[in-house]
Amino acid sequence: MRLTTKGRFAVTAMLDLALRGGKNPVTLAGISERQDISLSYLEQLFSRLRRHELVESVRGPGGGYYLARSLGDVSVADIIRAVDEPIDATQCGGKENCRDEHRCLTHDLWMGLNNHIYDYLENVTLASLVARQDECKDKVLQDRRASKMTLAA
């Protein structure tokens, strides 16, 4: 079980949008450059994100994308579902036919893991990811100030 590039890139791009969004739309070209994600791949992902009403687009000069919901109303699970990214620890995709068309002995174990993963991702919002990024920036600034003070002393 693993999250593929599609899901990882979608979450990364949405976090970039959340960090830079505001009054002005954010271009996919900008996200592409900052995050090193192919522009054509981003176009595919954002088409799906728009269909699921997670982002809205503005055409023309100065156009781009912005979030369609508040940061606290967009979970990582929402993003992953929007790009059709399955997170499934079972071999059967939940169909209970993994062992000669029968349910395997560990089916409930893997389904329970799936539920825990989705519960976790459902509770991680763009707001919490942005807050975490802000905390990291603050720590870096504090470390830099402390280093300068040590050098000055």
N, C-alpha and C. Protein backbone atom coordinates (compact mmCIF):
# COMPACT_ATOMS: atom_id res chain seq x y z
N MET A 1 0.84 -1.18 0.00
CA MET A 1 0.00 0.00 0.00
C MET A 1 0.89 1.24 0.00
N ARG A 2 0.56 2.16 -0.91
CA ARG A 2 1.28 3.41 -0.92
C ARG A 2 0.45 4.46 -1.64
N LEU A 3 0.71 5.67 -1.30
CA LEU A 3 0.09 6.79 -1.97
C LEU A 3 0.93 7.08 -3.21
N THR A 4 0.30 7.14 -4.36
CA THR A 4 1.06 7.35 -5.59
C THR A 4 1.38 8.83 -5.78
N THR A 5 2.13 9.08 -6.82
CA THR A 5 2.53 10.44 -7.17
C THR A 5 1.32 11.35 -7.35
N LYS A 6 0.26 10.83 -7.92
CA LYS A 6 -0.94 11.63 -8.16
C LYS A 6 -1.46 12.25 -6.86
N GLY A 7 -1.61 11.43 -5.83
CA GLY A 7 -2.09 11.94 -4.55
C GLY A 7 -1.10 12.87 -3.87
N ARG A 8 0.17 12.50 -3.90
CA ARG A 8 1.20 13.35 -3.28
C ARG A 8 1.28 14.71 -3.95
N PHE A 9 1.29 14.71 -5.28
CA PHE A 9 1.38 15.97 -6.01
C PHE A 9 0.13 16.83 -5.82
N ALA A 10 -1.03 16.20 -5.76
CA ALA A 10 -2.27 16.96 -5.55
C ALA A 10 -2.25 17.65 -4.20
N VAL A 11 -1.83 16.95 -3.16
CA VAL A 11 -1.77 17.54 -1.81
C VAL A 11 -0.72 18.65 -1.78
N THR A 12 0.44 18.39 -2.38
CA THR A 12 1.51 19.40 -2.41
C THR A 12 1.04 20.66 -3.14
N ALA A 13 0.40 20.49 -4.29
CA ALA A 13 -0.07 21.63 -5.07
C ALA A 13 -1.15 22.41 -4.32
N MET A 14 -2.04 21.71 -3.65
CA MET A 14 -3.09 22.39 -2.89
C MET A 14 -2.50 23.14 -1.70
N LEU A 15 -1.48 22.59 -1.07
CA LEU A 15 -0.84 23.31 0.03
C LEU A 15 -0.13 24.55 -0.49
N ASP A 16 0.54 24.43 -1.62
CA ASP A 16 1.18 25.60 -2.25
C ASP A 16 0.13 26.67 -2.53
N LEU A 17 -0.99 26.27 -3.09
CA LEU A 17 -2.09 27.20 -3.38
C LEU A 17 -2.59 27.85 -2.09
N ALA A 18 -2.73 27.06 -1.05
CA ALA A 18 -3.21 27.59 0.24
C ALA A 18 -2.22 28.59 0.83
N LEU A 19 -0.93 28.32 0.68
CA LEU A 19 0.09 29.20 1.23
C LEU A 19 0.20 30.51 0.46
N ARG A 20 -0.07 30.48 -0.84
CA ARG A 20 0.10 31.66 -1.67
C ARG A 20 -1.20 32.32 -2.10
N GLY A 21 -2.28 31.63 -1.86
CA GLY A 21 -3.58 32.15 -2.27
C GLY A 21 -4.01 33.31 -1.40
N GLY A 22 -5.04 33.90 -1.80
CA GLY A 22 -5.56 35.06 -1.08
C GLY A 22 -6.46 35.81 -2.02
N LYS A 23 -6.15 37.07 -2.21
CA LYS A 23 -6.97 37.89 -3.09
C LYS A 23 -6.69 37.64 -4.56
N ASN A 24 -5.47 37.20 -4.87
CA ASN A 24 -5.11 36.97 -6.27
C ASN A 24 -5.02 35.48 -6.57
N PRO A 25 -5.49 35.09 -7.75
CA PRO A 25 -5.37 33.67 -8.13
C PRO A 25 -3.90 33.28 -8.28
N VAL A 26 -3.63 32.00 -8.10
CA VAL A 26 -2.28 31.45 -8.21
C VAL A 26 -2.20 30.67 -9.51
N THR A 27 -1.13 30.90 -10.26
CA THR A 27 -0.99 30.21 -11.55
C THR A 27 -0.43 28.81 -11.35
N LEU A 28 -0.84 27.91 -12.24
CA LEU A 28 -0.27 26.57 -12.21
C LEU A 28 1.20 26.60 -12.60
N ALA A 29 1.57 27.54 -13.45
CA ALA A 29 2.98 27.68 -13.83
C ALA A 29 3.83 27.99 -12.59
N GLY A 30 3.32 28.83 -11.71
CA GLY A 30 4.03 29.17 -10.48
C GLY A 30 4.16 27.97 -9.57
N ILE A 31 3.06 27.22 -9.41
CA ILE A 31 3.11 26.01 -8.59
C ILE A 31 4.09 25.01 -9.20
N SER A 32 4.02 24.87 -10.51
CA SER A 32 4.90 23.95 -11.23
C SER A 32 6.36 24.26 -10.96
N GLU A 33 6.70 25.53 -11.04
CA GLU A 33 8.08 25.95 -10.83
C GLU A 33 8.52 25.75 -9.38
N ARG A 34 7.68 26.17 -8.45
CA ARG A 34 8.05 26.07 -7.03
C ARG A 34 8.14 24.63 -6.55
N GLN A 35 7.26 23.78 -7.04
CA GLN A 35 7.17 22.41 -6.52
C GLN A 35 7.79 21.37 -7.45
N ASP A 36 8.29 21.81 -8.59
CA ASP A 36 8.92 20.90 -9.56
C ASP A 36 7.96 19.79 -9.98
N ILE A 37 6.76 20.21 -10.36
CA ILE A 37 5.73 19.29 -10.86
C ILE A 37 5.40 19.73 -12.28
N SER A 38 5.31 18.79 -13.18
CA SER A 38 5.00 19.09 -14.58
C SER A 38 3.72 19.91 -14.69
N LEU A 39 3.77 20.95 -15.53
CA LEU A 39 2.60 21.80 -15.72
C LEU A 39 1.43 21.01 -16.29
N SER A 40 1.69 20.14 -17.25
CA SER A 40 0.59 19.37 -17.85
C SER A 40 -0.04 18.42 -16.82
N TYR A 41 0.78 17.89 -15.92
CA TYR A 41 0.27 17.02 -14.86
C TYR A 41 -0.60 17.83 -13.90
N LEU A 42 -0.15 19.03 -13.55
CA LEU A 42 -0.95 19.90 -12.69
C LEU A 42 -2.28 20.25 -13.34
N GLU A 43 -2.27 20.49 -14.64
CA GLU A 43 -3.52 20.80 -15.34
C GLU A 43 -4.52 19.66 -15.20
N GLN A 44 -4.04 18.43 -15.32
CA GLN A 44 -4.92 17.27 -15.15
C GLN A 44 -5.46 17.19 -13.72
N LEU A 45 -4.57 17.38 -12.75
CA LEU A 45 -5.00 17.31 -11.35
C LEU A 45 -6.00 18.41 -11.02
N PHE A 46 -5.72 19.64 -11.47
CA PHE A 46 -6.60 20.75 -11.13
C PHE A 46 -7.94 20.66 -11.85
N SER A 47 -7.98 19.99 -12.98
CA SER A 47 -9.25 19.74 -13.63
C SER A 47 -10.15 18.89 -12.72
N ARG A 48 -9.56 17.88 -12.11
CA ARG A 48 -10.30 17.02 -11.18
C ARG A 48 -10.66 17.77 -9.89
N LEU A 49 -9.71 18.55 -9.39
CA LEU A 49 -9.97 19.32 -8.17
C LEU A 49 -11.10 20.33 -8.39
N ARG A 50 -11.15 20.90 -9.59
CA ARG A 50 -12.21 21.86 -9.92
C ARG A 50 -13.56 21.14 -10.00
N ARG A 51 -13.59 19.96 -10.63
CA ARG A 51 -14.84 19.19 -10.72
C ARG A 51 -15.39 18.82 -9.35
N HIS A 52 -14.50 18.64 -8.39
CA HIS A 52 -14.92 18.30 -7.03
C HIS A 52 -15.10 19.55 -6.16
N GLU A 53 -15.06 20.70 -6.80
CA GLU A 53 -15.34 21.99 -6.16
C GLU A 53 -14.39 22.30 -5.00
N LEU A 54 -13.12 21.90 -5.16
CA LEU A 54 -12.10 22.25 -4.18
C LEU A 54 -11.37 23.51 -4.59
N VAL A 55 -11.32 23.78 -5.90
CA VAL A 55 -10.71 25.00 -6.43
C VAL A 55 -11.64 25.63 -7.45
N GLU A 56 -11.41 26.90 -7.69
CA GLU A 56 -12.10 27.62 -8.76
C GLU A 56 -11.04 28.28 -9.61
N SER A 57 -11.38 28.50 -10.87
CA SER A 57 -10.39 29.09 -11.76
C SER A 57 -10.87 30.44 -12.29
N VAL A 58 -9.88 31.25 -12.64
CA VAL A 58 -10.13 32.55 -13.26
C VAL A 58 -9.34 32.54 -14.56
N ARG A 59 -10.00 32.81 -15.67
CA ARG A 59 -9.32 32.81 -16.97
C ARG A 59 -8.77 34.19 -17.31
N GLY A 60 -7.88 34.17 -18.28
CA GLY A 60 -7.36 35.42 -18.82
C GLY A 60 -6.12 35.91 -18.09
N PRO A 61 -5.66 37.11 -18.50
CA PRO A 61 -4.47 37.68 -17.87
C PRO A 61 -4.71 37.85 -16.36
N GLY A 62 -3.75 37.47 -15.58
CA GLY A 62 -3.91 37.55 -14.13
C GLY A 62 -4.75 36.42 -13.57
N GLY A 63 -5.07 35.45 -14.41
CA GLY A 63 -5.90 34.33 -13.98
C GLY A 63 -5.11 33.27 -13.25
N GLY A 64 -5.80 32.27 -12.84
CA GLY A 64 -5.18 31.17 -12.12
C GLY A 64 -6.23 30.47 -11.28
N TYR A 65 -5.81 29.93 -10.18
CA TYR A 65 -6.70 29.17 -9.30
C TYR A 65 -6.70 29.74 -7.89
N TYR A 66 -7.81 29.53 -7.23
CA TYR A 66 -7.91 29.84 -5.82
C TYR A 66 -8.79 28.78 -5.17
N LEU A 67 -8.70 28.67 -3.86
CA LEU A 67 -9.48 27.66 -3.14
C LEU A 67 -10.96 28.02 -3.17
N ALA A 68 -11.78 27.01 -3.37
CA ALA A 68 -13.23 27.22 -3.41
C ALA A 68 -13.85 27.16 -2.01
N ARG A 69 -13.09 26.67 -1.04
CA ARG A 69 -13.57 26.55 0.33
C ARG A 69 -12.52 27.14 1.27
N SER A 70 -12.92 27.34 2.50
CA SER A 70 -11.95 27.83 3.48
C SER A 70 -10.94 26.72 3.78
N LEU A 71 -9.78 27.12 4.28
CA LEU A 71 -8.70 26.17 4.57
C LEU A 71 -9.15 25.05 5.52
N GLY A 72 -9.96 25.41 6.49
CA GLY A 72 -10.42 24.42 7.46
C GLY A 72 -11.45 23.46 6.92
N ASP A 73 -11.99 23.76 5.76
CA ASP A 73 -13.02 22.91 5.16
C ASP A 73 -12.49 21.99 4.07
N VAL A 74 -11.17 21.94 3.89
CA VAL A 74 -10.57 21.06 2.89
C VAL A 74 -9.62 20.11 3.60
N SER A 75 -9.98 18.84 3.60
CA SER A 75 -9.11 17.83 4.24
C SER A 75 -8.21 17.18 3.19
N VAL A 76 -7.15 16.57 3.66
CA VAL A 76 -6.26 15.83 2.76
C VAL A 76 -7.04 14.70 2.11
N ALA A 77 -7.95 14.07 2.84
CA ALA A 77 -8.79 13.01 2.27
C ALA A 77 -9.64 13.55 1.11
N ASP A 78 -10.17 14.77 1.25
CA ASP A 78 -10.95 15.38 0.16
C ASP A 78 -10.10 15.49 -1.11
N ILE A 79 -8.87 15.93 -0.94
CA ILE A 79 -7.97 16.12 -2.08
C ILE A 79 -7.67 14.78 -2.74
N ILE A 80 -7.35 13.80 -1.94
CA ILE A 80 -6.99 12.49 -2.47
C ILE A 80 -8.18 11.85 -3.18
N ARG A 81 -9.36 11.96 -2.60
CA ARG A 81 -10.56 11.43 -3.26
C ARG A 81 -10.83 12.15 -4.57
N ALA A 82 -10.60 13.45 -4.60
CA ALA A 82 -10.89 14.24 -5.81
C ALA A 82 -10.04 13.80 -7.00
N VAL A 83 -8.83 13.34 -6.75
CA VAL A 83 -7.97 12.92 -7.86
C VAL A 83 -8.04 11.40 -8.07
N ASP A 84 -9.06 10.78 -7.49
CA ASP A 84 -9.30 9.35 -7.65
C ASP A 84 -8.13 8.50 -7.20
N GLU A 85 -7.57 8.88 -6.09
CA GLU A 85 -6.41 8.16 -5.54
C GLU A 85 -6.88 7.18 -4.49
N PRO A 86 -6.82 5.87 -4.78
CA PRO A 86 -7.22 4.91 -3.75
C PRO A 86 -6.09 4.69 -2.74
N ILE A 87 -6.47 4.64 -1.50
CA ILE A 87 -5.53 4.22 -0.46
C ILE A 87 -6.14 2.95 0.09
N ASP A 88 -5.56 1.84 -0.30
CA ASP A 88 -6.15 0.56 0.02
C ASP A 88 -5.07 -0.44 0.36
N ALA A 89 -5.11 -0.97 1.56
CA ALA A 89 -4.13 -1.95 1.99
C ALA A 89 -4.53 -3.37 1.61
N THR A 90 -5.76 -3.56 1.12
CA THR A 90 -6.18 -4.90 0.75
C THR A 90 -5.66 -5.24 -0.65
N GLN A 91 -5.56 -6.52 -0.91
CA GLN A 91 -5.17 -6.96 -2.25
C GLN A 91 -6.37 -6.94 -3.19
N CYS A 92 -7.56 -6.99 -2.62
CA CYS A 92 -8.77 -7.17 -3.42
C CYS A 92 -9.53 -5.88 -3.69
N GLY A 93 -9.03 -4.76 -3.20
CA GLY A 93 -9.75 -3.51 -3.37
C GLY A 93 -11.05 -3.49 -2.59
N GLY A 94 -11.11 -4.26 -1.52
CA GLY A 94 -12.31 -4.31 -0.68
C GLY A 94 -13.39 -5.25 -1.17
N LYS A 95 -13.11 -6.00 -2.24
CA LYS A 95 -14.13 -6.88 -2.84
C LYS A 95 -14.20 -8.26 -2.19
N GLU A 96 -13.30 -8.52 -1.26
CA GLU A 96 -13.29 -9.78 -0.51
C GLU A 96 -13.09 -11.00 -1.41
N ASN A 97 -12.31 -10.84 -2.47
CA ASN A 97 -12.06 -11.97 -3.38
C ASN A 97 -10.56 -12.19 -3.60
N CYS A 98 -9.77 -11.92 -2.56
CA CYS A 98 -8.32 -11.92 -2.74
C CYS A 98 -7.70 -13.31 -2.72
N ARG A 99 -8.38 -14.29 -2.24
CA ARG A 99 -7.81 -15.64 -2.20
C ARG A 99 -8.76 -16.61 -2.90
N ASP A 100 -8.46 -16.86 -4.15
CA ASP A 100 -9.30 -17.78 -4.96
C ASP A 100 -10.78 -17.41 -4.86
N GLU A 101 -11.05 -16.13 -5.10
CA GLU A 101 -12.43 -15.62 -5.08
C GLU A 101 -13.08 -15.67 -3.69
N HIS A 102 -12.26 -15.88 -2.65
CA HIS A 102 -12.76 -15.87 -1.28
C HIS A 102 -12.03 -14.81 -0.47
N ARG A 103 -12.60 -14.48 0.61
CA ARG A 103 -12.02 -13.51 1.53
C ARG A 103 -10.78 -14.11 2.21
N CYS A 104 -9.70 -13.33 2.27
CA CYS A 104 -8.48 -13.82 2.91
C CYS A 104 -8.60 -13.68 4.43
N LEU A 105 -7.73 -14.36 5.14
CA LEU A 105 -7.78 -14.36 6.60
C LEU A 105 -7.53 -12.99 7.21
N THR A 106 -6.77 -12.15 6.52
CA THR A 106 -6.39 -10.85 7.09
C THR A 106 -7.19 -9.68 6.51
N HIS A 107 -8.28 -9.98 5.84
CA HIS A 107 -9.07 -8.92 5.20
C HIS A 107 -9.51 -7.84 6.19
N ASP A 108 -10.03 -8.24 7.34
CA ASP A 108 -10.49 -7.26 8.33
C ASP A 108 -9.36 -6.40 8.86
N LEU A 109 -8.17 -6.98 9.00
CA LEU A 109 -7.01 -6.22 9.44
C LEU A 109 -6.72 -5.09 8.46
N TRP A 110 -6.66 -5.41 7.18
CA TRP A 110 -6.31 -4.40 6.17
C TRP A 110 -7.44 -3.38 5.99
N MET A 111 -8.68 -3.81 6.11
CA MET A 111 -9.80 -2.86 6.03
C MET A 111 -9.77 -1.91 7.23
N GLY A 112 -9.41 -2.43 8.39
CA GLY A 112 -9.28 -1.57 9.58
C GLY A 112 -8.18 -0.53 9.39
N LEU A 113 -7.06 -0.96 8.79
CA LEU A 113 -5.98 -0.02 8.49
C LEU A 113 -6.45 1.06 7.53
N ASN A 114 -7.18 0.67 6.49
CA ASN A 114 -7.74 1.65 5.55
C ASN A 114 -8.58 2.69 6.29
N ASN A 115 -9.42 2.22 7.20
CA ASN A 115 -10.29 3.12 7.95
C ASN A 115 -9.48 4.09 8.80
N HIS A 116 -8.43 3.60 9.44
CA HIS A 116 -7.59 4.47 10.26
C HIS A 116 -6.87 5.52 9.40
N ILE A 117 -6.39 5.10 8.26
CA ILE A 117 -5.70 6.05 7.37
C ILE A 117 -6.67 7.14 6.92
N TYR A 118 -7.86 6.75 6.48
CA TYR A 118 -8.83 7.76 6.04
C TYR A 118 -9.29 8.65 7.18
N ASP A 119 -9.46 8.07 8.37
CA ASP A 119 -9.84 8.90 9.52
C ASP A 119 -8.76 9.95 9.78
N TYR A 120 -7.51 9.52 9.74
CA TYR A 120 -6.41 10.46 9.95
C TYR A 120 -6.40 11.55 8.89
N LEU A 121 -6.47 11.16 7.62
CA LEU A 121 -6.40 12.13 6.53
C LEU A 121 -7.63 13.04 6.51
N GLU A 122 -8.75 12.54 6.98
CA GLU A 122 -9.97 13.35 7.06
C GLU A 122 -9.81 14.46 8.11
N ASN A 123 -8.96 14.23 9.10
CA ASN A 123 -8.76 15.19 10.18
C ASN A 123 -7.57 16.12 9.97
N VAL A 124 -6.86 15.95 8.87
CA VAL A 124 -5.77 16.87 8.53
C VAL A 124 -6.31 17.81 7.46
N THR A 125 -6.39 19.09 7.80
CA THR A 125 -6.94 20.07 6.87
C THR A 125 -5.82 20.94 6.30
N LEU A 126 -6.15 21.66 5.25
CA LEU A 126 -5.18 22.62 4.71
C LEU A 126 -4.83 23.66 5.77
N ALA A 127 -5.79 24.01 6.61
CA ALA A 127 -5.52 24.98 7.69
C ALA A 127 -4.43 24.45 8.63
N SER A 128 -4.50 23.18 8.98
CA SER A 128 -3.49 22.63 9.89
C SER A 128 -2.14 22.51 9.20
N LEU A 129 -2.13 22.20 7.91
CA LEU A 129 -0.87 22.13 7.17
C LEU A 129 -0.23 23.50 7.02
N VAL A 130 -1.05 24.53 6.77
CA VAL A 130 -0.53 25.90 6.68
C VAL A 130 0.03 26.33 8.03
N ALA A 131 -0.68 26.02 9.11
CA ALA A 131 -0.20 26.37 10.45
C ALA A 131 1.14 25.69 10.73
N ARG A 132 1.28 24.44 10.32
CA ARG A 132 2.53 23.72 10.51
C ARG A 132 3.67 24.38 9.73
N GLN A 133 3.38 24.83 8.51
CA GLN A 133 4.40 25.53 7.71
C GLN A 133 4.80 26.84 8.39
N ASP A 134 3.82 27.56 8.94
CA ASP A 134 4.11 28.81 9.64
C ASP A 134 4.99 28.56 10.86
N GLU A 135 4.70 27.48 11.59
CA GLU A 135 5.52 27.13 12.76
C GLU A 135 6.96 26.82 12.34
N CYS A 136 7.12 26.12 11.23
CA CYS A 136 8.47 25.81 10.73
C CYS A 136 9.21 27.07 10.35
N LYS A 137 8.53 28.01 9.69
CA LYS A 137 9.16 29.28 9.32
C LYS A 137 9.60 30.04 10.56
N ASP A 138 8.71 30.08 11.56
CA ASP A 138 9.04 30.78 12.80
C ASP A 138 10.26 30.16 13.48
N LYS A 139 10.35 28.87 13.49
CA LYS A 139 11.49 28.19 14.10
C LYS A 139 12.78 28.52 13.35
N VAL A 140 12.72 28.53 12.03
CA VAL A 140 13.91 28.86 11.24
C VAL A 140 14.36 30.29 11.54
N LEU A 141 13.41 31.22 11.62
CA LEU A 141 13.75 32.61 11.94
C LEU A 141 14.36 32.72 13.33
N GLN A 142 13.81 32.01 14.29
CA GLN A 142 14.36 32.03 15.66
C GLN A 142 15.77 31.46 15.68
N ASP A 143 15.99 30.38 14.94
CA ASP A 143 17.32 29.77 14.88
C ASP A 143 18.33 30.73 14.25
N ARG A 144 17.91 31.45 13.21
CA ARG A 144 18.80 32.40 12.56
C ARG A 144 19.17 33.54 13.51
N ARG A 145 18.16 34.04 14.23
CA ARG A 145 18.42 35.13 15.19
C ARG A 145 19.37 34.66 16.27
N ALA A 146 19.17 33.45 16.75
CA ALA A 146 20.04 32.91 17.80
C ALA A 146 21.46 32.75 17.27
N SER A 147 21.61 32.33 16.04
CA SER A 147 22.94 32.18 15.44
C SER A 147 23.64 33.52 15.30
N LYS A 148 22.89 34.53 14.87
CA LYS A 148 23.47 35.88 14.73
C LYS A 148 23.90 36.42 16.08
N MET A 149 23.09 36.18 17.10
CA MET A 149 23.43 36.68 18.45
C MET A 149 24.67 35.98 18.96
N THR A 150 24.79 34.69 18.67
CA THR A 150 25.98 33.93 19.11
C THR A 150 27.22 34.44 18.40
N LEU A 151 27.10 34.72 17.09
CA LEU A 151 28.25 35.24 16.33
C LEU A 151 28.65 36.63 16.81
N ALA A 152 27.66 37.44 17.17
CA ALA A 152 27.94 38.80 17.62
C ALA A 152 28.60 38.83 19.00
N ALA A 153 28.35 37.83 19.78
CA ALA A 153 28.88 37.79 21.15
C ALA A 153 30.29 37.38 21.20
